[in-house]
N, C-alpha and C. Protein backbone atom coordinates (compact mmCIF):
# COMPACT_ATOMS: atom_id res chain seq x y z
N MET A 1 93.95 133.95 114.03
CA MET A 1 94.82 133.98 112.87
C MET A 1 94.19 134.90 111.83
N ASP A 2 94.99 135.80 111.27
CA ASP A 2 94.52 136.73 110.25
C ASP A 2 94.34 136.01 108.92
N SER A 3 93.58 136.64 108.01
CA SER A 3 93.40 136.10 106.66
C SER A 3 93.93 137.09 105.64
N ASP A 4 94.36 136.56 104.49
CA ASP A 4 94.83 137.46 103.43
C ASP A 4 93.65 137.96 102.62
N GLN A 5 93.95 138.68 101.52
CA GLN A 5 92.89 139.28 100.71
C GLN A 5 91.98 138.26 100.04
N HIS A 6 92.42 136.98 100.01
CA HIS A 6 91.61 135.92 99.40
C HIS A 6 90.93 135.06 100.46
N GLY A 7 91.03 135.47 101.75
CA GLY A 7 90.41 134.73 102.83
C GLY A 7 91.21 133.53 103.29
N ILE A 8 92.50 133.43 102.86
CA ILE A 8 93.35 132.32 103.26
C ILE A 8 93.99 132.66 104.60
N PRO A 9 93.85 131.77 105.61
CA PRO A 9 94.45 132.05 106.92
C PRO A 9 95.96 132.23 106.81
N GLN A 10 96.49 133.21 107.51
CA GLN A 10 97.92 133.50 107.49
C GLN A 10 98.56 132.95 108.76
N ALA A 11 99.57 132.12 108.60
CA ALA A 11 100.28 131.52 109.72
C ALA A 11 101.42 132.44 110.15
N GLU A 12 101.99 132.14 111.30
CA GLU A 12 103.12 132.92 111.77
C GLU A 12 104.27 132.90 110.78
N SER A 13 104.41 131.81 110.03
CA SER A 13 105.52 131.67 109.09
C SER A 13 105.15 132.16 107.70
N ASP A 14 104.13 132.98 107.60
CA ASP A 14 103.66 133.44 106.30
C ASP A 14 104.52 134.60 105.82
N PHE A 15 105.43 134.32 104.92
CA PHE A 15 106.33 135.33 104.41
C PHE A 15 105.68 136.21 103.36
N GLU A 16 104.44 135.88 102.99
CA GLU A 16 103.72 136.68 102.01
C GLU A 16 103.11 137.93 102.63
N SER A 17 102.94 137.92 103.94
CA SER A 17 102.32 139.07 104.60
C SER A 17 103.06 140.34 104.24
N GLY A 18 102.33 141.36 104.00
CA GLY A 18 102.94 142.65 103.67
C GLY A 18 103.17 142.87 102.20
N LEU A 19 102.98 141.84 101.38
CA LEU A 19 103.13 142.03 99.94
C LEU A 19 101.79 142.45 99.36
N ASN A 20 101.85 143.19 98.29
CA ASN A 20 100.62 143.55 97.61
C ASN A 20 100.74 143.22 96.13
N ASP A 21 99.68 143.46 95.39
CA ASP A 21 99.66 143.09 93.98
C ASP A 21 100.68 143.86 93.14
N ASP A 22 101.20 144.95 93.67
CA ASP A 22 102.19 145.72 92.93
C ASP A 22 103.59 145.10 93.02
N ASP A 23 103.78 144.24 94.00
CA ASP A 23 105.10 143.61 94.14
C ASP A 23 105.33 142.65 92.98
N ARG A 24 106.59 142.40 92.72
CA ARG A 24 106.95 141.57 91.58
C ARG A 24 106.44 140.15 91.72
N LEU A 25 105.93 139.61 90.64
CA LEU A 25 105.37 138.26 90.65
C LEU A 25 106.40 137.22 91.06
N ASP A 26 107.65 137.34 90.59
CA ASP A 26 108.66 136.34 90.93
C ASP A 26 108.92 136.32 92.43
N LEU A 27 108.95 137.47 93.05
CA LEU A 27 109.14 137.53 94.50
C LEU A 27 107.93 136.94 95.23
N ARG A 28 106.75 137.23 94.76
CA ARG A 28 105.54 136.70 95.39
C ARG A 28 105.48 135.17 95.28
N ILE A 29 105.90 134.64 94.12
CA ILE A 29 105.93 133.18 93.95
C ILE A 29 106.92 132.56 94.92
N TRP A 30 108.12 133.14 95.01
CA TRP A 30 109.14 132.60 95.90
C TRP A 30 108.64 132.61 97.34
N LEU A 31 108.04 133.69 97.77
CA LEU A 31 107.55 133.78 99.14
C LEU A 31 106.40 132.81 99.39
N ARG A 32 105.55 132.60 98.40
CA ARG A 32 104.46 131.64 98.57
C ARG A 32 105.02 130.21 98.68
N LEU A 33 106.01 129.89 97.86
CA LEU A 33 106.66 128.57 97.95
C LEU A 33 107.28 128.38 99.33
N LEU A 34 107.97 129.39 99.80
CA LEU A 34 108.60 129.33 101.11
C LEU A 34 107.57 129.16 102.21
N THR A 35 106.48 129.90 102.12
CA THR A 35 105.41 129.80 103.11
C THR A 35 104.83 128.39 103.13
N CYS A 36 104.50 127.87 101.95
CA CYS A 36 103.91 126.52 101.88
C CYS A 36 104.88 125.47 102.40
N ALA A 37 106.13 125.56 102.00
CA ALA A 37 107.13 124.58 102.46
C ALA A 37 107.26 124.63 103.98
N ASN A 38 107.29 125.82 104.55
CA ASN A 38 107.40 125.95 106.00
C ASN A 38 106.17 125.42 106.72
N MET A 39 104.99 125.66 106.16
CA MET A 39 103.76 125.17 106.79
C MET A 39 103.71 123.64 106.77
N ILE A 40 104.08 123.03 105.63
CA ILE A 40 104.09 121.57 105.53
C ILE A 40 105.14 120.99 106.48
N GLU A 41 106.32 121.58 106.48
CA GLU A 41 107.38 121.08 107.35
C GLU A 41 106.99 121.16 108.82
N ARG A 42 106.38 122.26 109.22
CA ARG A 42 105.95 122.42 110.61
C ARG A 42 104.97 121.32 111.00
N ARG A 43 104.01 121.02 110.14
CA ARG A 43 103.03 119.98 110.44
C ARG A 43 103.69 118.60 110.51
N VAL A 44 104.58 118.31 109.57
CA VAL A 44 105.26 117.01 109.57
C VAL A 44 106.11 116.87 110.84
N ARG A 45 106.82 117.93 111.21
CA ARG A 45 107.63 117.89 112.44
C ARG A 45 106.75 117.59 113.66
N GLN A 46 105.62 118.29 113.75
CA GLN A 46 104.70 118.07 114.88
C GLN A 46 104.20 116.63 114.90
N ASN A 47 103.79 116.13 113.74
CA ASN A 47 103.26 114.77 113.67
C ASN A 47 104.31 113.71 114.00
N LEU A 48 105.53 113.90 113.52
CA LEU A 48 106.59 112.95 113.84
C LEU A 48 106.87 112.95 115.35
N ARG A 49 106.89 114.13 115.94
CA ARG A 49 107.14 114.24 117.37
C ARG A 49 106.00 113.58 118.17
N MET A 50 104.75 113.91 117.81
CA MET A 50 103.60 113.41 118.57
C MET A 50 103.36 111.92 118.36
N ASN A 51 103.51 111.45 117.13
CA ASN A 51 103.15 110.06 116.81
C ASN A 51 104.30 109.06 116.93
N PHE A 52 105.54 109.53 116.77
CA PHE A 52 106.67 108.61 116.76
C PHE A 52 107.81 109.04 117.69
N ASP A 53 107.61 110.12 118.42
CA ASP A 53 108.63 110.63 119.33
C ASP A 53 109.99 110.74 118.63
N THR A 54 109.96 111.30 117.43
CA THR A 54 111.19 111.48 116.67
C THR A 54 111.17 112.85 116.01
N THR A 55 112.26 113.15 115.33
CA THR A 55 112.40 114.45 114.67
C THR A 55 112.46 114.27 113.16
N LEU A 56 112.23 115.36 112.46
CA LEU A 56 112.32 115.32 110.99
C LEU A 56 113.73 114.97 110.53
N PRO A 57 114.79 115.53 111.12
CA PRO A 57 116.13 115.13 110.67
C PRO A 57 116.39 113.63 110.85
N ARG A 58 115.92 113.05 111.94
CA ARG A 58 116.11 111.60 112.14
C ARG A 58 115.34 110.82 111.09
N PHE A 59 114.11 111.23 110.82
CA PHE A 59 113.31 110.58 109.78
C PHE A 59 114.01 110.68 108.43
N ASP A 60 114.51 111.88 108.11
CA ASP A 60 115.18 112.09 106.82
C ASP A 60 116.41 111.20 106.68
N VAL A 61 117.20 111.08 107.75
CA VAL A 61 118.39 110.23 107.70
C VAL A 61 117.99 108.77 107.48
N LEU A 62 117.02 108.29 108.25
CA LEU A 62 116.57 106.91 108.08
C LEU A 62 116.06 106.65 106.66
N ALA A 63 115.26 107.58 106.15
CA ALA A 63 114.69 107.42 104.80
C ALA A 63 115.79 107.42 103.75
N GLN A 64 116.79 108.24 103.94
CA GLN A 64 117.88 108.31 102.97
C GLN A 64 118.72 107.03 103.01
N ILE A 65 118.99 106.52 104.19
CA ILE A 65 119.76 105.28 104.32
C ILE A 65 118.99 104.12 103.69
N ASP A 66 117.68 104.14 103.83
CA ASP A 66 116.83 103.08 103.28
C ASP A 66 116.94 102.98 101.77
N ARG A 67 117.33 104.06 101.12
CA ARG A 67 117.44 104.06 99.66
C ARG A 67 118.61 103.22 99.17
N SER A 68 119.55 102.89 100.07
CA SER A 68 120.71 102.08 99.71
C SER A 68 120.84 100.92 100.69
N PRO A 69 120.17 99.81 100.43
CA PRO A 69 120.18 98.69 101.38
C PRO A 69 121.59 98.18 101.71
N GLU A 70 122.54 98.38 100.79
CA GLU A 70 123.92 97.94 101.06
C GLU A 70 124.65 98.91 101.97
N GLY A 71 124.00 100.00 102.31
CA GLY A 71 124.60 101.00 103.19
C GLY A 71 125.07 102.21 102.41
N GLN A 72 125.14 103.31 103.11
CA GLN A 72 125.60 104.55 102.49
C GLN A 72 126.82 105.08 103.22
N PRO A 73 127.84 105.47 102.48
CA PRO A 73 128.97 106.13 103.14
C PRO A 73 128.49 107.44 103.78
N MET A 74 129.08 107.80 104.88
CA MET A 74 128.71 109.02 105.58
C MET A 74 128.79 110.23 104.65
N ARG A 75 129.82 110.30 103.82
CA ARG A 75 129.99 111.44 102.90
C ARG A 75 128.81 111.53 101.94
N GLU A 76 128.38 110.39 101.41
CA GLU A 76 127.25 110.37 100.49
C GLU A 76 125.95 110.75 101.21
N LEU A 77 125.80 110.27 102.42
CA LEU A 77 124.62 110.59 103.21
C LEU A 77 124.52 112.09 103.45
N SER A 78 125.61 112.71 103.83
CA SER A 78 125.58 114.16 104.07
C SER A 78 125.33 114.91 102.77
N HIS A 79 125.89 114.41 101.67
CA HIS A 79 125.66 115.05 100.36
C HIS A 79 124.18 114.98 99.97
N ARG A 80 123.58 113.81 100.11
CA ARG A 80 122.17 113.64 99.74
C ARG A 80 121.23 114.47 100.61
N LEU A 81 121.60 114.66 101.88
CA LEU A 81 120.78 115.45 102.79
C LEU A 81 121.13 116.93 102.75
N MET A 82 122.14 117.26 101.96
CA MET A 82 122.59 118.65 101.77
C MET A 82 123.00 119.30 103.08
N VAL A 83 123.74 118.54 103.89
CA VAL A 83 124.31 119.05 105.14
C VAL A 83 125.77 118.61 105.20
N THR A 84 126.51 119.18 106.14
CA THR A 84 127.92 118.83 106.28
C THR A 84 128.06 117.52 107.05
N ASN A 85 129.23 116.90 106.91
CA ASN A 85 129.52 115.70 107.70
C ASN A 85 129.41 116.00 109.19
N GLY A 86 129.81 117.20 109.59
CA GLY A 86 129.72 117.59 110.99
C GLY A 86 128.29 117.62 111.50
N ASN A 87 127.34 117.90 110.62
CA ASN A 87 125.93 117.90 111.02
C ASN A 87 125.34 116.50 111.06
N ILE A 88 125.80 115.63 110.18
CA ILE A 88 125.20 114.30 110.08
C ILE A 88 125.78 113.33 111.11
N THR A 89 127.02 113.52 111.49
CA THR A 89 127.67 112.58 112.42
C THR A 89 126.94 112.45 113.76
N PRO A 90 126.58 113.56 114.44
CA PRO A 90 125.87 113.39 115.72
C PRO A 90 124.50 112.71 115.56
N LEU A 91 123.83 112.98 114.44
CA LEU A 91 122.54 112.32 114.19
C LEU A 91 122.72 110.82 114.05
N VAL A 92 123.70 110.42 113.26
CA VAL A 92 123.96 108.99 113.06
C VAL A 92 124.42 108.37 114.38
N ASP A 93 125.22 109.09 115.16
CA ASP A 93 125.64 108.58 116.47
C ASP A 93 124.42 108.24 117.33
N ARG A 94 123.45 109.15 117.40
CA ARG A 94 122.26 108.93 118.22
C ARG A 94 121.39 107.79 117.66
N LEU A 95 121.28 107.74 116.33
CA LEU A 95 120.51 106.64 115.73
C LEU A 95 121.17 105.29 116.01
N GLU A 96 122.49 105.29 116.03
CA GLU A 96 123.22 104.07 116.34
C GLU A 96 123.01 103.69 117.81
N GLU A 97 123.09 104.67 118.71
CA GLU A 97 122.84 104.43 120.14
C GLU A 97 121.43 103.87 120.37
N ASP A 98 120.48 104.33 119.56
CA ASP A 98 119.09 103.87 119.68
C ASP A 98 118.84 102.54 118.97
N GLY A 99 119.88 101.99 118.35
CA GLY A 99 119.75 100.68 117.69
C GLY A 99 119.04 100.72 116.35
N LEU A 100 118.96 101.90 115.73
CA LEU A 100 118.24 102.01 114.46
C LEU A 100 119.17 101.89 113.24
N VAL A 101 120.46 102.16 113.44
CA VAL A 101 121.44 102.03 112.35
C VAL A 101 122.71 101.39 112.91
N ILE A 102 123.50 100.86 112.00
CA ILE A 102 124.84 100.38 112.34
C ILE A 102 125.80 100.97 111.32
N ARG A 103 127.05 101.02 111.71
CA ARG A 103 128.12 101.45 110.80
C ARG A 103 129.04 100.26 110.57
N GLU A 104 129.37 100.09 109.29
CA GLU A 104 130.29 99.02 108.93
C GLU A 104 131.37 99.60 108.04
N PRO A 105 132.61 99.16 108.22
CA PRO A 105 133.67 99.65 107.34
C PRO A 105 133.47 99.14 105.92
N SER A 106 133.82 99.97 104.95
CA SER A 106 133.74 99.60 103.55
C SER A 106 134.73 98.48 103.25
N ALA A 107 134.33 97.54 102.42
CA ALA A 107 135.23 96.46 102.01
C ALA A 107 136.36 97.00 101.12
N LYS A 108 136.10 98.12 100.44
CA LYS A 108 137.08 98.70 99.52
C LYS A 108 138.02 99.68 100.21
N ASP A 109 137.53 100.38 101.22
CA ASP A 109 138.34 101.40 101.90
C ASP A 109 137.94 101.41 103.37
N ARG A 110 138.77 100.83 104.22
CA ARG A 110 138.44 100.67 105.64
C ARG A 110 138.24 102.01 106.35
N ARG A 111 138.69 103.11 105.76
CA ARG A 111 138.49 104.44 106.36
C ARG A 111 137.05 104.91 106.18
N VAL A 112 136.32 104.33 105.22
CA VAL A 112 134.96 104.74 104.89
C VAL A 112 133.98 103.88 105.69
N GLN A 113 133.04 104.55 106.36
CA GLN A 113 132.01 103.86 107.13
C GLN A 113 130.69 103.89 106.34
N HIS A 114 130.10 102.71 106.16
CA HIS A 114 128.78 102.62 105.53
C HIS A 114 127.74 102.53 106.64
N VAL A 115 126.69 103.32 106.52
CA VAL A 115 125.61 103.33 107.49
C VAL A 115 124.46 102.51 106.92
N LYS A 116 123.96 101.57 107.72
CA LYS A 116 122.86 100.70 107.31
C LYS A 116 121.78 100.71 108.37
N LEU A 117 120.56 100.46 107.92
CA LEU A 117 119.46 100.31 108.87
C LEU A 117 119.54 98.95 109.55
N THR A 118 119.20 98.93 110.83
CA THR A 118 119.02 97.67 111.54
C THR A 118 117.58 97.21 111.29
N ASP A 119 117.24 96.04 111.77
CA ASP A 119 115.85 95.59 111.67
C ASP A 119 114.93 96.56 112.40
N ALA A 120 115.38 97.06 113.55
CA ALA A 120 114.56 98.03 114.30
C ALA A 120 114.41 99.34 113.52
N GLY A 121 115.48 99.75 112.83
CA GLY A 121 115.41 100.96 112.00
C GLY A 121 114.44 100.79 110.84
N THR A 122 114.49 99.63 110.22
CA THR A 122 113.56 99.33 109.12
C THR A 122 112.13 99.33 109.61
N ALA A 123 111.90 98.72 110.76
CA ALA A 123 110.54 98.66 111.32
C ALA A 123 110.03 100.06 111.66
N ALA A 124 110.89 100.88 112.24
CA ALA A 124 110.49 102.25 112.59
C ALA A 124 110.14 103.04 111.32
N LEU A 125 110.99 102.92 110.33
CA LEU A 125 110.75 103.65 109.07
C LEU A 125 109.50 103.12 108.37
N ASP A 126 109.29 101.81 108.41
CA ASP A 126 108.10 101.22 107.78
C ASP A 126 106.81 101.74 108.42
N ALA A 127 106.87 102.11 109.67
CA ALA A 127 105.69 102.70 110.33
C ALA A 127 105.55 104.18 109.99
N MET A 128 106.68 104.88 109.88
CA MET A 128 106.63 106.33 109.66
C MET A 128 106.29 106.73 108.22
N ILE A 129 106.78 106.00 107.25
CA ILE A 129 106.60 106.41 105.86
C ILE A 129 105.12 106.49 105.45
N PRO A 130 104.30 105.48 105.71
CA PRO A 130 102.89 105.61 105.32
C PRO A 130 102.19 106.75 106.07
N ALA A 131 102.56 106.96 107.32
CA ALA A 131 101.96 108.06 108.09
C ALA A 131 102.35 109.39 107.47
N ASN A 132 103.63 109.54 107.12
CA ASN A 132 104.10 110.79 106.51
C ASN A 132 103.38 111.06 105.19
N LYS A 133 103.23 110.03 104.38
CA LYS A 133 102.52 110.19 103.10
C LYS A 133 101.08 110.64 103.34
N ARG A 134 100.46 110.06 104.35
CA ARG A 134 99.07 110.41 104.68
C ARG A 134 98.98 111.87 105.16
N TRP A 135 99.93 112.29 105.99
CA TRP A 135 99.92 113.66 106.50
C TRP A 135 100.04 114.67 105.36
N VAL A 136 100.98 114.41 104.45
CA VAL A 136 101.18 115.34 103.34
C VAL A 136 99.96 115.33 102.43
N SER A 137 99.41 114.17 102.16
CA SER A 137 98.21 114.08 101.32
C SER A 137 97.04 114.81 101.97
N ASP A 138 96.91 114.68 103.28
CA ASP A 138 95.84 115.38 103.99
C ASP A 138 95.97 116.89 103.84
N LEU A 139 97.20 117.39 103.87
CA LEU A 139 97.42 118.83 103.73
C LEU A 139 97.06 119.32 102.33
N MET A 140 97.13 118.44 101.36
CA MET A 140 96.88 118.83 99.98
C MET A 140 95.52 118.36 99.47
N GLN A 141 94.69 117.85 100.36
CA GLN A 141 93.43 117.25 99.94
C GLN A 141 92.47 118.24 99.29
N HIS A 142 92.61 119.51 99.57
CA HIS A 142 91.68 120.50 99.01
C HIS A 142 92.17 121.10 97.69
N VAL A 143 93.28 120.57 97.18
CA VAL A 143 93.80 121.02 95.89
C VAL A 143 93.31 120.04 94.82
N ASP A 144 92.64 120.55 93.81
CA ASP A 144 92.17 119.73 92.69
C ASP A 144 93.34 118.93 92.12
N ARG A 145 93.15 117.64 91.86
CA ARG A 145 94.24 116.76 91.41
C ARG A 145 94.84 117.20 90.08
N ASP A 146 94.01 117.68 89.15
CA ASP A 146 94.56 118.16 87.88
C ASP A 146 95.43 119.39 88.09
N ARG A 147 94.97 120.28 88.96
CA ARG A 147 95.75 121.49 89.26
C ARG A 147 97.02 121.13 90.02
N ALA A 148 96.94 120.11 90.88
CA ALA A 148 98.14 119.66 91.59
C ALA A 148 99.16 119.11 90.60
N SER A 149 98.69 118.38 89.61
CA SER A 149 99.59 117.86 88.58
C SER A 149 100.22 119.00 87.79
N ASP A 150 99.42 120.02 87.47
CA ASP A 150 99.95 121.20 86.78
C ASP A 150 101.00 121.91 87.64
N LEU A 151 100.72 122.01 88.93
CA LEU A 151 101.66 122.65 89.85
C LEU A 151 102.98 121.88 89.88
N TYR A 152 102.90 120.57 89.93
CA TYR A 152 104.10 119.74 89.92
C TYR A 152 104.92 120.00 88.66
N THR A 153 104.25 120.08 87.52
CA THR A 153 104.94 120.36 86.25
C THR A 153 105.57 121.75 86.28
N LEU A 154 104.82 122.73 86.76
CA LEU A 154 105.35 124.10 86.84
C LEU A 154 106.56 124.18 87.78
N LEU A 155 106.50 123.48 88.88
CA LEU A 155 107.64 123.48 89.80
C LEU A 155 108.86 122.81 89.16
N GLY A 156 108.62 121.81 88.33
CA GLY A 156 109.71 121.20 87.56
C GLY A 156 110.32 122.20 86.60
N ASP A 157 109.47 123.00 85.96
CA ASP A 157 109.96 124.05 85.06
C ASP A 157 110.79 125.07 85.84
N LEU A 158 110.31 125.43 87.02
CA LEU A 158 111.04 126.38 87.86
C LEU A 158 112.39 125.81 88.25
N LYS A 159 112.42 124.55 88.63
CA LYS A 159 113.67 123.90 89.00
C LYS A 159 114.66 123.93 87.84
N GLU A 160 114.18 123.62 86.65
CA GLU A 160 115.05 123.65 85.46
C GLU A 160 115.55 125.06 85.19
N SER A 161 114.70 126.05 85.38
CA SER A 161 115.11 127.44 85.19
C SER A 161 116.22 127.84 86.17
N ILE A 162 116.07 127.41 87.41
CA ILE A 162 117.08 127.70 88.42
C ILE A 162 118.40 127.02 88.07
N LEU A 163 118.33 125.75 87.66
CA LEU A 163 119.55 125.03 87.28
C LEU A 163 120.23 125.68 86.08
N ALA A 164 119.43 126.11 85.10
CA ALA A 164 119.99 126.78 83.93
C ALA A 164 120.66 128.09 84.33
N SER A 165 120.03 128.82 85.23
CA SER A 165 120.60 130.07 85.71
C SER A 165 121.92 129.83 86.42
N GLU A 166 121.99 128.77 87.19
CA GLU A 166 123.23 128.45 87.88
C GLU A 166 124.33 128.06 86.90
N ARG A 167 123.97 127.35 85.84
CA ARG A 167 124.96 126.96 84.81
C ARG A 167 125.47 128.18 84.07
N ASP A 168 124.62 129.19 83.91
CA ASP A 168 124.99 130.40 83.17
C ASP A 168 125.95 131.29 83.94
N GLN A 169 126.06 131.08 85.24
CA GLN A 169 126.93 131.96 86.05
C GLN A 169 128.37 131.58 85.96
């Protein structure tokens, strides 16, 4: 694996490669964020597959359903996961086949299906969540905690800037 000018190993998903100090700072920040997000996601995907024989999308669906113990309508679930109903339906179908979720009709609108975790789904998620937290923490263990807190604040500022830009359009 090659290293950048600061001695940081460059992964295959390193979108920063080929940039130099003359390139615009905003572009370099965006590419670094993308690189880090891809590297973290790749590791989490590998760990979920190796340790729990599952995928990141399945984990994400279970975690999102867990946020609403009374169940989540399919439309809300797809909205929260930022995917279409067409993408979420086959995932929920498979989770239901595996006994991890159930669908129940809404008491208010029988056309609406609420997705809930089964006891097996809760148990699976209860095992995965602490492991996932540990994996992400391990990846960030070499970042000074004060600097990590500053980074979190800066990313919040970036998020607000993006939202403001979207409102201005």
